[in-house]
Amino acid sequence: MSAQVHIQTPLTDELIARLHAGDEVLISGVVLTARDQAHKRLCTCLEQGRPLPVELRGSVIYFVGPTPALPGKIIGAAGPTTSSRMDAFTPALLAGGLKGTIGKGYRSRAVRDAIVQYKAVHFSALGGAAALLNRYITDCRVIAYHDLGPEAIHQLKFHQFPAVVAYDSYGNSVYNE
């Protein structure tokens, strides 16, 4: 049985070093959202040496495009999207200071190697539970790339958001590979 770990963002090298593949975690703190187009724009900024619209150092990006909130709610459905869709961009973002990602499914060898190289972590969230995961989000606001609609970069505040360490900073994985 793996340990259940309460973690707070931003992530530090010391915290990441204590996390192991299979650990069940409850994440609290600020988390950014980004999907394909937002990732592409962030990487273009890095490539061109332009400032980023968000702080990457110590940050976690959740691969989600939340649906609009119902009246009286903070956010709509907020389930993870397929992580591999961001694989082309993830190594550059990790090199830029990103410390964690949240999604579902496998990551490429290049991403797994970058996770080890930059002492980062990838969490897996429960796919198919979008309508339930929003209960762990206590605040939501768009902070960059407003023109992308639901795929804009949002700043979320998590309170004990459940996930599993899928890939740790030691090269271990929960997946049989």
N, C-alpha and C. Protein backbone atom coordinates (compact mmCIF):
# COMPACT_ATOMS: atom_id res chain seq x y z
N MET A 1 0.85 -1.18 0.00
CA MET A 1 0.00 0.00 0.00
C MET A 1 0.89 1.24 0.00
N SER A 2 0.62 2.14 -0.90
CA SER A 2 1.42 3.36 -0.99
C SER A 2 0.96 4.37 0.05
N ALA A 3 1.86 5.30 0.33
CA ALA A 3 1.56 6.34 1.31
C ALA A 3 0.66 7.40 0.69
N GLN A 4 -0.20 8.01 1.51
CA GLN A 4 -0.98 9.16 1.06
C GLN A 4 -0.25 10.40 1.57
N VAL A 5 0.05 11.29 0.64
CA VAL A 5 0.88 12.44 0.95
C VAL A 5 0.10 13.72 0.67
N HIS A 6 0.07 14.61 1.65
CA HIS A 6 -0.52 15.94 1.46
C HIS A 6 0.59 16.83 0.94
N ILE A 7 0.37 17.46 -0.21
CA ILE A 7 1.40 18.34 -0.76
C ILE A 7 0.82 19.72 -1.04
N GLN A 8 1.69 20.69 -0.96
CA GLN A 8 1.33 22.09 -1.16
C GLN A 8 2.17 22.65 -2.30
N THR A 9 1.52 23.39 -3.20
CA THR A 9 2.27 24.07 -4.25
C THR A 9 2.72 25.42 -3.73
N PRO A 10 3.80 25.99 -4.27
CA PRO A 10 4.64 25.47 -5.33
C PRO A 10 5.48 24.29 -4.85
N LEU A 11 5.89 23.44 -5.81
CA LEU A 11 6.68 22.26 -5.49
C LEU A 11 8.15 22.63 -5.34
N THR A 12 8.80 21.94 -4.42
CA THR A 12 10.23 22.13 -4.20
C THR A 12 10.96 20.82 -4.54
N ASP A 13 12.27 20.93 -4.77
CA ASP A 13 13.07 19.73 -5.03
C ASP A 13 12.99 18.76 -3.86
N GLU A 14 12.97 19.31 -2.64
CA GLU A 14 12.93 18.45 -1.45
C GLU A 14 11.62 17.66 -1.39
N LEU A 15 10.51 18.31 -1.70
CA LEU A 15 9.22 17.61 -1.71
C LEU A 15 9.20 16.55 -2.80
N ILE A 16 9.63 16.92 -3.98
CA ILE A 16 9.62 15.98 -5.11
C ILE A 16 10.48 14.76 -4.81
N ALA A 17 11.60 14.95 -4.12
CA ALA A 17 12.48 13.83 -3.77
C ALA A 17 11.80 12.83 -2.85
N ARG A 18 10.79 13.26 -2.12
CA ARG A 18 10.06 12.37 -1.20
C ARG A 18 8.92 11.62 -1.88
N LEU A 19 8.60 11.99 -3.13
CA LEU A 19 7.49 11.37 -3.84
C LEU A 19 7.98 10.19 -4.68
N HIS A 20 7.17 9.13 -4.66
CA HIS A 20 7.53 7.91 -5.40
C HIS A 20 6.33 7.43 -6.21
N ALA A 21 6.62 6.84 -7.35
CA ALA A 21 5.56 6.30 -8.20
C ALA A 21 4.62 5.45 -7.37
N GLY A 22 3.34 5.70 -7.53
CA GLY A 22 2.32 4.97 -6.79
C GLY A 22 1.82 5.70 -5.56
N ASP A 23 2.54 6.73 -5.10
CA ASP A 23 2.05 7.49 -3.94
C ASP A 23 0.73 8.16 -4.28
N GLU A 24 -0.20 8.04 -3.38
CA GLU A 24 -1.47 8.78 -3.50
C GLU A 24 -1.25 10.13 -2.85
N VAL A 25 -1.62 11.19 -3.56
CA VAL A 25 -1.39 12.54 -3.05
C VAL A 25 -2.69 13.33 -3.01
N LEU A 26 -2.71 14.31 -2.13
CA LEU A 26 -3.77 15.30 -2.06
C LEU A 26 -3.08 16.65 -2.25
N ILE A 27 -3.36 17.29 -3.38
CA ILE A 27 -2.66 18.51 -3.76
C ILE A 27 -3.48 19.73 -3.34
N SER A 28 -2.84 20.66 -2.66
CA SER A 28 -3.46 21.93 -2.28
C SER A 28 -2.55 23.06 -2.76
N GLY A 29 -3.18 24.19 -3.07
CA GLY A 29 -2.43 25.36 -3.51
C GLY A 29 -2.79 25.76 -4.93
N VAL A 30 -1.99 26.66 -5.48
CA VAL A 30 -2.24 27.19 -6.82
C VAL A 30 -1.70 26.24 -7.87
N VAL A 31 -2.53 25.97 -8.88
CA VAL A 31 -2.17 25.12 -10.01
C VAL A 31 -2.62 25.85 -11.28
N LEU A 32 -1.79 25.78 -12.31
CA LEU A 32 -2.13 26.39 -13.59
C LEU A 32 -2.78 25.34 -14.50
N THR A 33 -3.59 25.80 -15.45
CA THR A 33 -4.12 24.91 -16.46
C THR A 33 -3.49 25.28 -17.79
N ALA A 34 -3.33 24.30 -18.65
CA ALA A 34 -2.87 24.56 -20.01
C ALA A 34 -3.08 23.31 -20.84
N ARG A 35 -3.47 23.54 -22.08
CA ARG A 35 -3.58 22.46 -23.05
C ARG A 35 -2.71 22.79 -24.25
N ASP A 36 -2.92 22.12 -25.34
CA ASP A 36 -2.04 22.15 -26.51
C ASP A 36 -1.62 23.56 -26.95
N GLN A 37 -2.58 24.41 -27.26
CA GLN A 37 -2.25 25.72 -27.82
C GLN A 37 -1.55 26.62 -26.80
N ALA A 38 -1.95 26.54 -25.54
CA ALA A 38 -1.27 27.32 -24.51
C ALA A 38 0.17 26.83 -24.34
N HIS A 39 0.37 25.52 -24.38
CA HIS A 39 1.72 24.97 -24.30
C HIS A 39 2.57 25.48 -25.46
N LYS A 40 2.00 25.46 -26.64
CA LYS A 40 2.74 25.92 -27.82
C LYS A 40 3.17 27.37 -27.66
N ARG A 41 2.27 28.21 -27.17
CA ARG A 41 2.60 29.62 -26.98
C ARG A 41 3.68 29.81 -25.91
N LEU A 42 3.58 29.06 -24.81
CA LEU A 42 4.60 29.16 -23.77
C LEU A 42 5.97 28.77 -24.32
N CYS A 43 6.02 27.69 -25.09
CA CYS A 43 7.29 27.25 -25.65
C CYS A 43 7.84 28.25 -26.66
N THR A 44 6.96 28.88 -27.43
CA THR A 44 7.41 29.93 -28.36
C THR A 44 8.06 31.08 -27.59
N CYS A 45 7.46 31.47 -26.48
CA CYS A 45 8.06 32.52 -25.64
C CYS A 45 9.44 32.10 -25.16
N LEU A 46 9.57 30.86 -24.68
CA LEU A 46 10.86 30.38 -24.20
C LEU A 46 11.89 30.38 -25.33
N GLU A 47 11.49 29.88 -26.51
CA GLU A 47 12.40 29.81 -27.65
C GLU A 47 12.88 31.19 -28.08
N GLN A 48 12.00 32.17 -27.99
CA GLN A 48 12.31 33.52 -28.45
C GLN A 48 12.88 34.41 -27.34
N GLY A 49 13.02 33.85 -26.14
CA GLY A 49 13.56 34.62 -25.02
C GLY A 49 12.64 35.71 -24.51
N ARG A 50 11.34 35.57 -24.80
CA ARG A 50 10.36 36.56 -24.33
C ARG A 50 9.86 36.16 -22.95
N PRO A 51 9.39 37.13 -22.18
CA PRO A 51 8.85 36.78 -20.85
C PRO A 51 7.58 35.94 -20.98
N LEU A 52 7.42 35.05 -20.02
CA LEU A 52 6.22 34.22 -19.97
C LEU A 52 5.10 34.97 -19.26
N PRO A 53 3.84 34.67 -19.59
CA PRO A 53 2.72 35.33 -18.90
C PRO A 53 2.42 34.72 -17.54
N VAL A 54 3.14 33.64 -17.18
CA VAL A 54 2.95 32.95 -15.90
C VAL A 54 4.32 32.59 -15.34
N GLU A 55 4.37 32.36 -14.05
CA GLU A 55 5.60 31.91 -13.39
C GLU A 55 5.65 30.39 -13.45
N LEU A 56 6.70 29.84 -14.06
CA LEU A 56 6.84 28.39 -14.14
C LEU A 56 7.57 27.80 -12.93
N ARG A 57 8.51 28.52 -12.35
CA ARG A 57 9.34 27.96 -11.28
C ARG A 57 8.47 27.40 -10.15
N GLY A 58 8.60 26.10 -9.96
CA GLY A 58 7.88 25.42 -8.88
C GLY A 58 6.43 25.12 -9.19
N SER A 59 5.97 25.53 -10.36
CA SER A 59 4.54 25.40 -10.70
C SER A 59 4.16 23.99 -11.14
N VAL A 60 2.86 23.77 -11.08
CA VAL A 60 2.23 22.55 -11.58
C VAL A 60 1.24 22.98 -12.65
N ILE A 61 1.24 22.27 -13.79
CA ILE A 61 0.25 22.50 -14.83
C ILE A 61 -0.67 21.30 -14.92
N TYR A 62 -1.97 21.57 -14.85
CA TYR A 62 -3.02 20.56 -14.99
C TYR A 62 -3.51 20.62 -16.43
N PHE A 63 -3.46 19.49 -17.12
CA PHE A 63 -3.90 19.41 -18.51
C PHE A 63 -5.42 19.29 -18.53
N VAL A 64 -6.08 20.45 -18.58
CA VAL A 64 -7.54 20.49 -18.50
C VAL A 64 -8.04 21.72 -19.24
N GLY A 65 -9.19 21.59 -19.85
CA GLY A 65 -9.91 22.72 -20.42
C GLY A 65 -11.26 22.73 -19.72
N PRO A 66 -11.38 23.43 -18.61
CA PRO A 66 -12.61 23.35 -17.82
C PRO A 66 -13.81 23.88 -18.59
N THR A 67 -14.95 23.28 -18.32
CA THR A 67 -16.20 23.77 -18.91
C THR A 67 -16.70 24.95 -18.10
N PRO A 68 -17.58 25.75 -18.70
CA PRO A 68 -18.11 26.91 -17.96
C PRO A 68 -18.81 26.47 -16.66
N ALA A 69 -18.71 27.32 -15.68
CA ALA A 69 -19.34 27.05 -14.38
C ALA A 69 -20.85 27.25 -14.48
N LEU A 70 -21.58 26.42 -13.80
CA LEU A 70 -23.02 26.61 -13.65
C LEU A 70 -23.25 27.77 -12.68
N PRO A 71 -24.40 28.40 -12.71
CA PRO A 71 -24.67 29.50 -11.77
C PRO A 71 -24.38 29.08 -10.33
N GLY A 72 -23.65 29.93 -9.63
CA GLY A 72 -23.33 29.66 -8.23
C GLY A 72 -22.14 28.73 -8.02
N LYS A 73 -21.54 28.25 -9.09
CA LYS A 73 -20.39 27.34 -8.98
C LYS A 73 -19.11 28.06 -9.39
N ILE A 74 -17.98 27.54 -8.95
CA ILE A 74 -16.68 28.13 -9.24
C ILE A 74 -16.17 27.73 -10.62
N ILE A 75 -16.43 26.48 -11.00
CA ILE A 75 -15.90 25.91 -12.24
C ILE A 75 -16.83 24.80 -12.68
N GLY A 76 -16.83 24.54 -13.98
CA GLY A 76 -17.60 23.41 -14.50
C GLY A 76 -16.81 22.13 -14.36
N ALA A 77 -17.09 21.18 -15.24
CA ALA A 77 -16.36 19.92 -15.24
C ALA A 77 -14.88 20.20 -15.47
N ALA A 78 -14.03 19.48 -14.76
CA ALA A 78 -12.59 19.77 -14.82
C ALA A 78 -11.76 18.49 -14.75
N GLY A 79 -11.99 17.61 -15.72
CA GLY A 79 -11.25 16.36 -15.76
C GLY A 79 -10.00 16.46 -16.61
N PRO A 80 -9.05 15.58 -16.37
CA PRO A 80 -7.76 15.63 -17.08
C PRO A 80 -7.90 15.22 -18.54
N THR A 81 -7.05 15.82 -19.37
CA THR A 81 -6.96 15.39 -20.76
C THR A 81 -5.73 14.50 -20.91
N THR A 82 -5.60 13.88 -22.06
CA THR A 82 -4.52 12.95 -22.33
C THR A 82 -3.16 13.66 -22.29
N SER A 83 -2.31 13.21 -21.41
CA SER A 83 -1.01 13.84 -21.17
C SER A 83 -0.11 13.84 -22.39
N SER A 84 -0.13 12.77 -23.15
CA SER A 84 0.81 12.64 -24.28
C SER A 84 0.62 13.75 -25.31
N ARG A 85 -0.54 14.39 -25.32
CA ARG A 85 -0.76 15.50 -26.25
C ARG A 85 0.18 16.67 -25.96
N MET A 86 0.70 16.77 -24.75
CA MET A 86 1.60 17.85 -24.38
C MET A 86 3.07 17.43 -24.39
N ASP A 87 3.35 16.20 -24.81
CA ASP A 87 4.72 15.68 -24.73
C ASP A 87 5.73 16.47 -25.54
N ALA A 88 5.35 17.02 -26.67
CA ALA A 88 6.30 17.78 -27.48
C ALA A 88 6.76 19.05 -26.77
N PHE A 89 5.97 19.54 -25.84
CA PHE A 89 6.25 20.81 -25.17
C PHE A 89 6.82 20.65 -23.76
N THR A 90 6.54 19.55 -23.12
CA THR A 90 6.86 19.39 -21.70
C THR A 90 8.34 19.50 -21.37
N PRO A 91 9.26 18.88 -22.12
CA PRO A 91 10.67 19.02 -21.74
C PRO A 91 11.14 20.48 -21.68
N ALA A 92 10.72 21.30 -22.61
CA ALA A 92 11.13 22.72 -22.61
C ALA A 92 10.55 23.45 -21.40
N LEU A 93 9.32 23.13 -21.03
CA LEU A 93 8.71 23.78 -19.86
C LEU A 93 9.38 23.32 -18.57
N LEU A 94 9.75 22.05 -18.50
CA LEU A 94 10.48 21.56 -17.32
C LEU A 94 11.84 22.25 -17.23
N ALA A 95 12.50 22.43 -18.35
CA ALA A 95 13.78 23.15 -18.37
C ALA A 95 13.59 24.59 -17.91
N GLY A 96 12.39 25.15 -18.15
CA GLY A 96 12.08 26.52 -17.75
C GLY A 96 11.63 26.66 -16.31
N GLY A 97 11.61 25.56 -15.55
CA GLY A 97 11.29 25.64 -14.13
C GLY A 97 10.02 24.95 -13.69
N LEU A 98 9.19 24.48 -14.63
CA LEU A 98 7.98 23.74 -14.26
C LEU A 98 8.39 22.52 -13.45
N LYS A 99 7.66 22.22 -12.38
CA LYS A 99 8.02 21.10 -11.51
C LYS A 99 7.02 19.96 -11.52
N GLY A 100 5.81 20.18 -12.03
CA GLY A 100 4.84 19.10 -12.02
C GLY A 100 3.79 19.26 -13.09
N THR A 101 3.25 18.13 -13.51
CA THR A 101 2.14 18.11 -14.45
C THR A 101 1.10 17.13 -13.94
N ILE A 102 -0.15 17.36 -14.35
CA ILE A 102 -1.25 16.48 -13.98
C ILE A 102 -2.02 16.18 -15.25
N GLY A 103 -2.28 14.92 -15.51
CA GLY A 103 -3.07 14.52 -16.67
C GLY A 103 -3.51 13.09 -16.52
N LYS A 104 -3.70 12.43 -17.67
CA LYS A 104 -4.01 11.00 -17.63
C LYS A 104 -3.23 10.32 -18.74
N GLY A 105 -2.85 9.09 -18.49
CA GLY A 105 -2.17 8.30 -19.50
C GLY A 105 -0.66 8.43 -19.48
N TYR A 106 -0.07 7.76 -20.46
CA TYR A 106 1.38 7.62 -20.56
C TYR A 106 2.07 8.90 -21.00
N ARG A 107 3.37 8.99 -20.66
CA ARG A 107 4.25 10.07 -21.13
C ARG A 107 5.34 9.44 -21.99
N SER A 108 5.87 10.20 -22.92
CA SER A 108 6.91 9.71 -23.82
C SER A 108 8.23 9.51 -23.08
N ARG A 109 9.15 8.80 -23.71
CA ARG A 109 10.48 8.60 -23.14
C ARG A 109 11.16 9.95 -22.92
N ALA A 110 11.02 10.89 -23.88
CA ALA A 110 11.66 12.21 -23.74
C ALA A 110 11.13 12.94 -22.50
N VAL A 111 9.84 12.85 -22.25
CA VAL A 111 9.27 13.50 -21.06
C VAL A 111 9.74 12.81 -19.80
N ARG A 112 9.75 11.49 -19.80
CA ARG A 112 10.19 10.76 -18.60
C ARG A 112 11.65 11.09 -18.28
N ASP A 113 12.48 11.17 -19.32
CA ASP A 113 13.88 11.54 -19.11
C ASP A 113 13.99 12.97 -18.57
N ALA A 114 13.18 13.89 -19.09
CA ALA A 114 13.21 15.29 -18.62
C ALA A 114 12.71 15.38 -17.18
N ILE A 115 11.75 14.57 -16.80
CA ILE A 115 11.26 14.55 -15.41
C ILE A 115 12.41 14.19 -14.46
N VAL A 116 13.21 13.22 -14.85
CA VAL A 116 14.37 12.84 -14.03
C VAL A 116 15.43 13.96 -14.06
N GLN A 117 15.74 14.44 -15.26
CA GLN A 117 16.79 15.46 -15.41
C GLN A 117 16.49 16.72 -14.60
N TYR A 118 15.24 17.17 -14.63
CA TYR A 118 14.88 18.43 -13.97
C TYR A 118 14.23 18.24 -12.61
N LYS A 119 14.28 17.02 -12.08
CA LYS A 119 13.72 16.70 -10.76
C LYS A 119 12.28 17.19 -10.65
N ALA A 120 11.44 16.61 -11.48
CA ALA A 120 10.03 16.98 -11.53
C ALA A 120 9.18 15.74 -11.24
N VAL A 121 7.88 15.88 -11.45
CA VAL A 121 6.95 14.78 -11.17
C VAL A 121 5.74 14.92 -12.09
N HIS A 122 5.16 13.77 -12.44
CA HIS A 122 3.90 13.78 -13.20
C HIS A 122 2.86 13.02 -12.39
N PHE A 123 1.74 13.68 -12.17
CA PHE A 123 0.62 13.08 -11.44
C PHE A 123 -0.44 12.62 -12.43
N SER A 124 -1.13 11.59 -12.08
CA SER A 124 -2.27 11.13 -12.86
C SER A 124 -3.53 11.39 -12.04
N ALA A 125 -4.52 12.01 -12.70
CA ALA A 125 -5.82 12.24 -12.07
C ALA A 125 -6.82 11.28 -12.71
N LEU A 126 -7.88 11.04 -12.02
CA LEU A 126 -8.88 10.07 -12.47
C LEU A 126 -9.63 10.59 -13.69
N GLY A 127 -9.40 9.95 -14.83
CA GLY A 127 -10.13 10.30 -16.04
C GLY A 127 -11.58 9.86 -15.91
N GLY A 128 -12.48 10.56 -16.57
CA GLY A 128 -13.90 10.21 -16.53
C GLY A 128 -14.63 10.73 -15.32
N ALA A 129 -13.94 11.48 -14.47
CA ALA A 129 -14.55 11.99 -13.24
C ALA A 129 -14.60 13.51 -13.22
N ALA A 130 -14.69 14.12 -14.39
CA ALA A 130 -14.61 15.58 -14.51
C ALA A 130 -15.62 16.29 -13.63
N ALA A 131 -16.83 15.78 -13.56
CA ALA A 131 -17.87 16.44 -12.78
C ALA A 131 -17.63 16.31 -11.28
N LEU A 132 -16.81 15.34 -10.88
CA LEU A 132 -16.50 15.16 -9.46
C LEU A 132 -15.25 15.91 -9.04
N LEU A 133 -14.27 16.00 -9.93
CA LEU A 133 -13.00 16.64 -9.57
C LEU A 133 -13.15 18.13 -9.29
N ASN A 134 -14.18 18.76 -9.84
CA ASN A 134 -14.33 20.20 -9.60
C ASN A 134 -14.60 20.54 -8.14
N ARG A 135 -14.99 19.59 -7.35
CA ARG A 135 -15.26 19.87 -5.92
C ARG A 135 -13.98 20.14 -5.13
N TYR A 136 -12.82 19.82 -5.74
CA TYR A 136 -11.54 20.06 -5.08
C TYR A 136 -10.90 21.37 -5.55
N ILE A 137 -11.65 22.14 -6.35
CA ILE A 137 -11.16 23.41 -6.88
C ILE A 137 -11.95 24.53 -6.21
N THR A 138 -11.24 25.39 -5.49
CA THR A 138 -11.92 26.42 -4.70
C THR A 138 -11.87 27.81 -5.32
N ASP A 139 -11.09 27.97 -6.40
CA ASP A 139 -11.03 29.26 -7.08
C ASP A 139 -10.56 29.00 -8.51
N CYS A 140 -11.03 29.84 -9.44
CA CYS A 140 -10.67 29.70 -10.85
C CYS A 140 -10.74 31.05 -11.52
N ARG A 141 -9.63 31.42 -12.20
CA ARG A 141 -9.67 32.64 -12.99
C ARG A 141 -8.70 32.51 -14.16
N VAL A 142 -9.06 33.10 -15.28
CA VAL A 142 -8.20 33.10 -16.46
C VAL A 142 -7.10 34.12 -16.23
N ILE A 143 -5.84 33.72 -16.50
CA ILE A 143 -4.72 34.63 -16.28
C ILE A 143 -3.88 34.88 -17.54
N ALA A 144 -4.09 34.09 -18.60
CA ALA A 144 -3.32 34.30 -19.83
C ALA A 144 -4.03 33.64 -21.01
N TYR A 145 -3.80 34.22 -22.18
CA TYR A 145 -4.32 33.69 -23.44
C TYR A 145 -5.84 33.56 -23.43
N HIS A 146 -6.49 34.63 -23.03
CA HIS A 146 -7.95 34.67 -22.95
C HIS A 146 -8.62 34.23 -24.24
N ASP A 147 -7.98 34.51 -25.38
CA ASP A 147 -8.58 34.19 -26.68
C ASP A 147 -8.73 32.69 -26.91
N LEU A 148 -8.10 31.86 -26.09
CA LEU A 148 -8.22 30.41 -26.25
C LEU A 148 -9.45 29.83 -25.57
N GLY A 149 -10.28 30.67 -24.97
CA GLY A 149 -11.51 30.18 -24.33
C GLY A 149 -11.19 29.20 -23.21
N PRO A 150 -11.85 28.03 -23.21
CA PRO A 150 -11.61 27.08 -22.12
C PRO A 150 -10.17 26.57 -22.08
N GLU A 151 -9.43 26.73 -23.19
CA GLU A 151 -8.04 26.29 -23.22
C GLU A 151 -7.06 27.40 -22.83
N ALA A 152 -7.59 28.54 -22.40
CA ALA A 152 -6.75 29.61 -21.87
C ALA A 152 -6.04 29.09 -20.61
N ILE A 153 -5.02 29.81 -20.19
CA ILE A 153 -4.37 29.42 -18.94
C ILE A 153 -5.19 29.99 -17.78
N HIS A 154 -5.65 29.08 -16.94
CA HIS A 154 -6.40 29.43 -15.74
C HIS A 154 -5.49 29.25 -14.53
N GLN A 155 -5.75 30.01 -13.52
CA GLN A 155 -5.13 29.77 -12.22
C GLN A 155 -6.21 29.17 -11.34
N LEU A 156 -5.96 27.96 -10.89
CA LEU A 156 -6.90 27.27 -10.02
C LEU A 156 -6.32 27.22 -8.62
N LYS A 157 -7.19 27.15 -7.65
CA LYS A 157 -6.77 26.89 -6.28
C LYS A 157 -7.34 25.52 -5.92
N PHE A 158 -6.44 24.59 -5.63
CA PHE A 158 -6.81 23.23 -5.25
C PHE A 158 -6.90 23.13 -3.74
N HIS A 159 -7.83 22.29 -3.28
CA HIS A 159 -7.87 21.90 -1.88
C HIS A 159 -7.99 20.38 -1.84
N GLN A 160 -6.90 19.73 -1.52
CA GLN A 160 -6.82 18.27 -1.39
C GLN A 160 -7.31 17.56 -2.65
N PHE A 161 -6.84 18.01 -3.81
CA PHE A 161 -7.16 17.40 -5.09
C PHE A 161 -6.47 16.03 -5.15
N PRO A 162 -7.23 14.95 -5.39
CA PRO A 162 -6.65 13.62 -5.36
C PRO A 162 -5.95 13.25 -6.67
N ALA A 163 -4.76 12.68 -6.54
CA ALA A 163 -4.00 12.23 -7.71
C ALA A 163 -3.04 11.13 -7.26
N VAL A 164 -2.36 10.55 -8.23
CA VAL A 164 -1.36 9.52 -7.97
C VAL A 164 -0.07 9.93 -8.67
N VAL A 165 1.07 9.70 -8.02
CA VAL A 165 2.34 9.94 -8.68
C VAL A 165 2.51 8.87 -9.75
N ALA A 166 2.41 9.27 -11.01
CA ALA A 166 2.51 8.33 -12.11
C ALA A 166 3.96 8.15 -12.56
N TYR A 167 4.74 9.24 -12.58
CA TYR A 167 6.16 9.21 -12.92
C TYR A 167 6.90 10.05 -11.89
N ASP A 168 7.88 9.43 -11.24
CA ASP A 168 8.62 10.17 -10.21
C ASP A 168 9.98 10.64 -10.73
N SER A 169 10.67 11.39 -9.91
CA SER A 169 11.95 12.00 -10.31
C SER A 169 13.10 10.99 -10.36
N TYR A 170 12.81 9.73 -10.03
CA TYR A 170 13.82 8.68 -10.07
C TYR A 170 13.69 7.80 -11.31
N GLY A 171 12.71 8.12 -12.16
CA GLY A 171 12.51 7.33 -13.38
C GLY A 171 11.53 6.19 -13.23
N ASN A 172 10.87 6.12 -12.08
CA ASN A 172 9.90 5.05 -11.84
C ASN A 172 8.51 5.46 -12.32
N SER A 173 7.69 4.45 -12.61
CA SER A 173 6.35 4.70 -13.15
C SER A 173 5.36 3.70 -12.55
N VAL A 174 4.09 4.10 -12.52
CA VAL A 174 3.05 3.18 -12.09
C VAL A 174 2.60 2.26 -13.22
N TYR A 175 3.03 2.58 -14.44
CA TYR A 175 2.61 1.81 -15.60
C TYR A 175 3.59 0.66 -15.86
N ASN A 176 3.08 -0.48 -16.26
CA ASN A 176 3.94 -1.58 -16.69
C ASN A 176 4.46 -1.24 -18.06
N GLU A 177 5.75 -1.00 -18.15
CA GLU A 177 6.34 -0.58 -19.44
C GLU A 177 7.36 -1.61 -19.89
